[in-house]
Amino acid sequence: MSKNTDLKTIQNMLFKEYQKNGYHKIWTNGFMNNNPHQNIFDIAELGLITTEVSEAIEEIRKPLTDISLVNLGFECADIIIRTINFMTRKGMNLDFFLNEKYKHNLLRGKLHDKQI
């Protein structure tokens, strides 16, 4: 992946690897069989994203002398990769949603109008 790779290319590259490794088949199994409980598969896959968040938190909880920014960076990358693959499987365009959310957030006040 070059530093100038656009989001659509990144999304496609990650999803091809996701498919190659069999994840797409696992998470779409319920849908492919007309399973009325497809949301269980979606919840399970989203749960893996929270697992990656937990692993990043564990990196931060280490004593300051043991915190590895490299390991933390890899955990954050895992969060992004799993999220992109989930979005792609669900037919969501990453570039569109990032841009729309960015525009929405521009309209929100400082700290989203929360008082701290």
N, C-alpha and C. Protein backbone atom coordinates (compact mmCIF):
# COMPACT_ATOMS: atom_id res chain seq x y z
N MET A 1 0.86 -1.17 0.00
CA MET A 1 0.00 0.00 0.00
C MET A 1 0.90 1.23 0.00
N SER A 2 0.73 2.08 -1.00
CA SER A 2 1.54 3.29 -1.05
C SER A 2 0.90 4.38 -0.22
N LYS A 3 1.66 5.42 0.07
CA LYS A 3 1.12 6.49 0.90
C LYS A 3 0.05 7.30 0.18
N ASN A 4 -0.07 7.15 -1.14
CA ASN A 4 -1.07 7.89 -1.91
C ASN A 4 -2.27 7.03 -2.29
N THR A 5 -2.43 5.88 -1.66
CA THR A 5 -3.54 4.99 -1.98
C THR A 5 -4.84 5.62 -1.51
N ASP A 6 -5.85 5.67 -2.40
CA ASP A 6 -7.13 6.27 -2.01
C ASP A 6 -7.96 5.28 -1.18
N LEU A 7 -8.97 5.82 -0.52
CA LEU A 7 -9.79 5.02 0.39
C LEU A 7 -10.48 3.86 -0.32
N LYS A 8 -11.00 4.08 -1.52
CA LYS A 8 -11.70 3.01 -2.24
C LYS A 8 -10.74 1.85 -2.53
N THR A 9 -9.52 2.17 -2.92
CA THR A 9 -8.52 1.13 -3.20
C THR A 9 -8.17 0.38 -1.93
N ILE A 10 -7.99 1.10 -0.83
CA ILE A 10 -7.70 0.46 0.46
C ILE A 10 -8.85 -0.45 0.85
N GLN A 11 -10.08 0.04 0.73
CA GLN A 11 -11.25 -0.75 1.08
C GLN A 11 -11.29 -2.03 0.24
N ASN A 12 -11.04 -1.92 -1.05
CA ASN A 12 -11.04 -3.11 -1.92
C ASN A 12 -9.92 -4.08 -1.58
N MET A 13 -8.72 -3.56 -1.32
CA MET A 13 -7.58 -4.43 -0.97
C MET A 13 -7.87 -5.21 0.31
N LEU A 14 -8.34 -4.52 1.32
CA LEU A 14 -8.61 -5.17 2.59
C LEU A 14 -9.71 -6.22 2.45
N PHE A 15 -10.73 -5.91 1.67
CA PHE A 15 -11.85 -6.84 1.53
C PHE A 15 -11.44 -8.09 0.74
N LYS A 16 -10.57 -7.93 -0.24
CA LYS A 16 -10.08 -9.10 -0.98
C LYS A 16 -9.35 -10.06 -0.03
N GLU A 17 -8.54 -9.53 0.86
CA GLU A 17 -7.84 -10.35 1.84
C GLU A 17 -8.83 -11.00 2.79
N TYR A 18 -9.83 -10.26 3.21
CA TYR A 18 -10.91 -10.72 4.08
C TYR A 18 -11.61 -11.92 3.43
N GLN A 19 -11.91 -11.79 2.14
CA GLN A 19 -12.56 -12.89 1.42
C GLN A 19 -11.62 -14.08 1.28
N LYS A 20 -10.38 -13.82 0.92
CA LYS A 20 -9.39 -14.88 0.73
C LYS A 20 -9.22 -15.71 1.99
N ASN A 21 -9.28 -15.06 3.13
CA ASN A 21 -9.09 -15.76 4.40
C ASN A 21 -10.37 -16.39 4.94
N GLY A 22 -11.46 -16.32 4.20
CA GLY A 22 -12.69 -17.01 4.56
C GLY A 22 -13.64 -16.27 5.46
N TYR A 23 -13.32 -15.04 5.83
CA TYR A 23 -14.19 -14.31 6.75
C TYR A 23 -15.52 -13.94 6.12
N HIS A 24 -15.51 -13.54 4.87
CA HIS A 24 -16.76 -13.15 4.20
C HIS A 24 -17.75 -14.30 4.22
N LYS A 25 -17.27 -15.51 3.96
CA LYS A 25 -18.15 -16.68 3.94
C LYS A 25 -18.73 -16.94 5.34
N ILE A 26 -17.88 -16.81 6.37
CA ILE A 26 -18.35 -17.05 7.74
C ILE A 26 -19.45 -16.05 8.12
N TRP A 27 -19.20 -14.75 7.88
CA TRP A 27 -20.13 -13.72 8.36
C TRP A 27 -21.36 -13.58 7.49
N THR A 28 -21.33 -14.08 6.26
CA THR A 28 -22.51 -14.00 5.42
C THR A 28 -23.28 -15.31 5.42
N ASN A 29 -22.81 -16.32 6.11
CA ASN A 29 -23.43 -17.63 6.12
C ASN A 29 -24.92 -17.56 6.47
N GLY A 30 -25.25 -16.84 7.50
CA GLY A 30 -26.65 -16.75 7.91
C GLY A 30 -27.50 -16.08 6.86
N PHE A 31 -26.97 -15.05 6.24
CA PHE A 31 -27.71 -14.35 5.20
C PHE A 31 -27.89 -15.23 3.97
N MET A 32 -26.83 -15.94 3.59
CA MET A 32 -26.88 -16.78 2.40
C MET A 32 -27.91 -17.90 2.56
N ASN A 33 -28.14 -18.34 3.77
CA ASN A 33 -29.11 -19.40 4.02
C ASN A 33 -30.47 -18.84 4.44
N ASN A 34 -30.68 -17.56 4.15
CA ASN A 34 -31.93 -16.89 4.53
C ASN A 34 -32.22 -17.02 6.02
N ASN A 35 -31.18 -16.92 6.81
CA ASN A 35 -31.30 -17.02 8.25
C ASN A 35 -32.01 -15.78 8.79
N PRO A 36 -33.13 -15.94 9.50
CA PRO A 36 -33.83 -14.77 10.03
C PRO A 36 -33.05 -14.09 11.16
N HIS A 37 -31.97 -14.70 11.60
CA HIS A 37 -31.17 -14.14 12.69
C HIS A 37 -29.83 -13.63 12.19
N GLN A 38 -29.79 -13.06 10.98
CA GLN A 38 -28.55 -12.55 10.41
C GLN A 38 -27.90 -11.53 11.33
N ASN A 39 -28.72 -10.78 12.07
CA ASN A 39 -28.13 -9.76 12.94
C ASN A 39 -27.19 -10.37 13.98
N ILE A 40 -27.34 -11.64 14.30
CA ILE A 40 -26.41 -12.30 15.23
C ILE A 40 -25.01 -12.33 14.63
N PHE A 41 -24.91 -12.58 13.32
CA PHE A 41 -23.62 -12.58 12.65
C PHE A 41 -23.01 -11.18 12.65
N ASP A 42 -23.85 -10.18 12.41
CA ASP A 42 -23.37 -8.80 12.42
C ASP A 42 -22.89 -8.40 13.81
N ILE A 43 -23.66 -8.77 14.82
CA ILE A 43 -23.28 -8.45 16.19
C ILE A 43 -21.96 -9.14 16.55
N ALA A 44 -21.81 -10.39 16.15
CA ALA A 44 -20.58 -11.12 16.44
C ALA A 44 -19.38 -10.46 15.77
N GLU A 45 -19.54 -10.05 14.51
CA GLU A 45 -18.42 -9.41 13.83
C GLU A 45 -18.11 -8.05 14.45
N LEU A 46 -19.13 -7.30 14.82
CA LEU A 46 -18.88 -6.03 15.52
C LEU A 46 -18.21 -6.27 16.87
N GLY A 47 -18.55 -7.39 17.50
CA GLY A 47 -17.90 -7.75 18.76
C GLY A 47 -16.39 -7.90 18.60
N LEU A 48 -15.97 -8.38 17.44
CA LEU A 48 -14.53 -8.51 17.21
C LEU A 48 -13.85 -7.15 17.15
N ILE A 49 -14.58 -6.13 16.69
CA ILE A 49 -14.02 -4.78 16.70
C ILE A 49 -13.81 -4.32 18.14
N THR A 50 -14.78 -4.61 19.01
CA THR A 50 -14.61 -4.21 20.42
C THR A 50 -13.47 -5.00 21.06
N THR A 51 -13.23 -6.21 20.59
CA THR A 51 -12.09 -6.99 21.10
C THR A 51 -10.79 -6.27 20.75
N GLU A 52 -10.71 -5.76 19.53
CA GLU A 52 -9.50 -5.03 19.13
C GLU A 52 -9.35 -3.75 19.96
N VAL A 53 -10.47 -3.08 20.26
CA VAL A 53 -10.41 -1.89 21.12
C VAL A 53 -9.90 -2.28 22.51
N SER A 54 -10.37 -3.41 23.03
CA SER A 54 -9.91 -3.89 24.34
C SER A 54 -8.41 -4.18 24.32
N GLU A 55 -7.94 -4.74 23.23
CA GLU A 55 -6.49 -5.02 23.12
C GLU A 55 -5.68 -3.73 23.08
N ALA A 56 -6.21 -2.69 22.44
CA ALA A 56 -5.53 -1.39 22.43
C ALA A 56 -5.52 -0.80 23.84
N ILE A 57 -6.63 -0.93 24.56
CA ILE A 57 -6.70 -0.44 25.94
C ILE A 57 -5.67 -1.17 26.80
N GLU A 58 -5.53 -2.46 26.61
CA GLU A 58 -4.54 -3.23 27.38
C GLU A 58 -3.13 -2.72 27.13
N GLU A 59 -2.84 -2.31 25.91
CA GLU A 59 -1.51 -1.74 25.63
C GLU A 59 -1.30 -0.46 26.44
N ILE A 60 -2.35 0.35 26.54
CA ILE A 60 -2.25 1.62 27.27
C ILE A 60 -2.17 1.39 28.78
N ARG A 61 -2.77 0.34 29.27
CA ARG A 61 -2.80 0.06 30.71
C ARG A 61 -1.45 -0.43 31.23
N LYS A 62 -0.55 -0.79 30.35
CA LYS A 62 0.76 -1.26 30.79
C LYS A 62 1.52 -0.12 31.48
N PRO A 63 2.47 -0.46 32.34
CA PRO A 63 3.30 0.61 32.93
C PRO A 63 3.95 1.43 31.82
N LEU A 64 4.12 2.72 32.07
CA LEU A 64 4.65 3.62 31.04
C LEU A 64 5.93 3.10 30.39
N THR A 65 6.75 2.42 31.15
CA THR A 65 8.01 1.92 30.59
C THR A 65 7.79 0.76 29.62
N ASP A 66 6.63 0.11 29.71
CA ASP A 66 6.35 -1.06 28.85
C ASP A 66 5.41 -0.75 27.69
N ILE A 67 4.83 0.45 27.68
CA ILE A 67 3.90 0.78 26.61
C ILE A 67 4.65 0.82 25.28
N SER A 68 4.12 0.09 24.33
CA SER A 68 4.73 0.05 23.00
C SER A 68 3.81 0.76 22.02
N LEU A 69 4.29 1.87 21.48
CA LEU A 69 3.48 2.57 20.48
C LEU A 69 3.32 1.72 19.23
N VAL A 70 4.29 0.85 18.97
CA VAL A 70 4.18 -0.04 17.82
C VAL A 70 3.02 -1.00 18.03
N ASN A 71 2.95 -1.65 19.19
CA ASN A 71 1.84 -2.58 19.47
C ASN A 71 0.51 -1.84 19.49
N LEU A 72 0.49 -0.65 20.09
CA LEU A 72 -0.74 0.15 20.12
C LEU A 72 -1.16 0.51 18.70
N GLY A 73 -0.20 0.87 17.87
CA GLY A 73 -0.49 1.20 16.48
C GLY A 73 -1.09 0.03 15.73
N PHE A 74 -0.54 -1.17 15.97
CA PHE A 74 -1.08 -2.36 15.31
C PHE A 74 -2.50 -2.65 15.77
N GLU A 75 -2.78 -2.46 17.05
CA GLU A 75 -4.14 -2.69 17.55
C GLU A 75 -5.11 -1.68 16.95
N CYS A 76 -4.68 -0.43 16.85
CA CYS A 76 -5.54 0.59 16.22
C CYS A 76 -5.78 0.25 14.75
N ALA A 77 -4.75 -0.23 14.06
CA ALA A 77 -4.92 -0.64 12.66
C ALA A 77 -5.91 -1.79 12.56
N ASP A 78 -5.85 -2.73 13.51
CA ASP A 78 -6.80 -3.85 13.52
C ASP A 78 -8.24 -3.34 13.66
N ILE A 79 -8.44 -2.33 14.50
CA ILE A 79 -9.77 -1.74 14.68
C ILE A 79 -10.27 -1.20 13.33
N ILE A 80 -9.41 -0.47 12.66
CA ILE A 80 -9.79 0.13 11.37
C ILE A 80 -10.05 -0.94 10.32
N ILE A 81 -9.17 -1.93 10.23
CA ILE A 81 -9.32 -2.99 9.23
C ILE A 81 -10.62 -3.76 9.44
N ARG A 82 -10.89 -4.15 10.68
CA ARG A 82 -12.12 -4.90 10.95
C ARG A 82 -13.36 -4.05 10.65
N THR A 83 -13.29 -2.76 10.96
CA THR A 83 -14.42 -1.87 10.70
C THR A 83 -14.64 -1.71 9.20
N ILE A 84 -13.58 -1.51 8.45
CA ILE A 84 -13.69 -1.37 7.00
C ILE A 84 -14.26 -2.64 6.38
N ASN A 85 -13.78 -3.79 6.82
CA ASN A 85 -14.29 -5.04 6.26
C ASN A 85 -15.77 -5.25 6.59
N PHE A 86 -16.17 -4.90 7.80
CA PHE A 86 -17.59 -5.00 8.16
C PHE A 86 -18.43 -4.09 7.26
N MET A 87 -17.97 -2.85 7.11
CA MET A 87 -18.70 -1.89 6.28
C MET A 87 -18.79 -2.37 4.84
N THR A 88 -17.72 -2.92 4.33
CA THR A 88 -17.72 -3.40 2.95
C THR A 88 -18.68 -4.56 2.78
N ARG A 89 -18.65 -5.50 3.72
CA ARG A 89 -19.56 -6.64 3.65
C ARG A 89 -21.02 -6.18 3.66
N LYS A 90 -21.29 -5.12 4.40
CA LYS A 90 -22.66 -4.60 4.48
C LYS A 90 -22.99 -3.65 3.31
N GLY A 91 -22.05 -3.48 2.37
CA GLY A 91 -22.29 -2.67 1.19
C GLY A 91 -22.15 -1.17 1.42
N MET A 92 -21.42 -0.78 2.45
CA MET A 92 -21.24 0.63 2.77
C MET A 92 -19.97 1.16 2.10
N ASN A 93 -20.06 2.36 1.55
CA ASN A 93 -18.93 3.01 0.91
C ASN A 93 -18.18 3.83 1.96
N LEU A 94 -16.98 3.41 2.29
CA LEU A 94 -16.19 4.06 3.34
C LEU A 94 -15.97 5.54 3.04
N ASP A 95 -15.56 5.85 1.83
CA ASP A 95 -15.28 7.23 1.46
C ASP A 95 -16.50 8.12 1.67
N PHE A 96 -17.66 7.64 1.23
CA PHE A 96 -18.90 8.40 1.38
C PHE A 96 -19.20 8.68 2.85
N PHE A 97 -19.18 7.62 3.67
CA PHE A 97 -19.56 7.80 5.07
C PHE A 97 -18.55 8.63 5.86
N LEU A 98 -17.28 8.49 5.56
CA LEU A 98 -16.28 9.33 6.23
C LEU A 98 -16.49 10.80 5.88
N ASN A 99 -16.72 11.08 4.60
CA ASN A 99 -16.93 12.47 4.19
C ASN A 99 -18.22 13.05 4.76
N GLU A 100 -19.28 12.26 4.74
CA GLU A 100 -20.55 12.76 5.29
C GLU A 100 -20.44 13.01 6.79
N LYS A 101 -19.79 12.11 7.50
CA LYS A 101 -19.63 12.28 8.95
C LYS A 101 -18.74 13.49 9.25
N TYR A 102 -17.69 13.66 8.44
CA TYR A 102 -16.82 14.82 8.61
C TYR A 102 -17.62 16.11 8.44
N LYS A 103 -18.43 16.17 7.39
CA LYS A 103 -19.25 17.37 7.16
C LYS A 103 -20.22 17.59 8.31
N HIS A 104 -20.82 16.52 8.81
CA HIS A 104 -21.74 16.63 9.94
C HIS A 104 -21.02 17.17 11.17
N ASN A 105 -19.83 16.64 11.43
CA ASN A 105 -19.08 17.06 12.61
C ASN A 105 -18.62 18.52 12.52
N LEU A 106 -18.42 19.02 11.31
CA LEU A 106 -18.05 20.44 11.15
C LEU A 106 -19.14 21.36 11.66
N LEU A 107 -20.37 20.90 11.63
CA LEU A 107 -21.51 21.72 12.07
C LEU A 107 -21.73 21.65 13.58
N ARG A 108 -21.04 20.73 14.22
CA ARG A 108 -21.23 20.57 15.67
C ARG A 108 -20.31 21.54 16.41
N GLY A 109 -20.71 21.95 17.57
CA GLY A 109 -19.93 22.89 18.34
C GLY A 109 -18.69 22.26 18.95
N LYS A 110 -17.89 23.10 19.58
CA LYS A 110 -16.70 22.63 20.26
C LYS A 110 -17.09 21.57 21.29
N LEU A 111 -16.39 20.45 21.30
CA LEU A 111 -16.67 19.31 22.17
C LEU A 111 -18.11 18.84 22.00
N HIS A 112 -18.65 19.08 20.78
CA HIS A 112 -20.03 18.68 20.47
C HIS A 112 -21.02 19.29 21.44
N ASP A 113 -20.71 20.53 21.85
CA ASP A 113 -21.57 21.33 22.74
C ASP A 113 -21.71 20.72 24.13
N LYS A 114 -20.79 19.88 24.52
CA LYS A 114 -20.83 19.29 25.88
C LYS A 114 -20.01 20.17 26.82
N GLN A 115 -20.49 20.28 28.03
CA GLN A 115 -19.78 21.04 29.05
C GLN A 115 -18.96 20.09 29.92
N ILE A 116 -17.69 20.37 30.06
CA ILE A 116 -16.87 19.56 30.98
C ILE A 116 -16.13 20.43 31.94
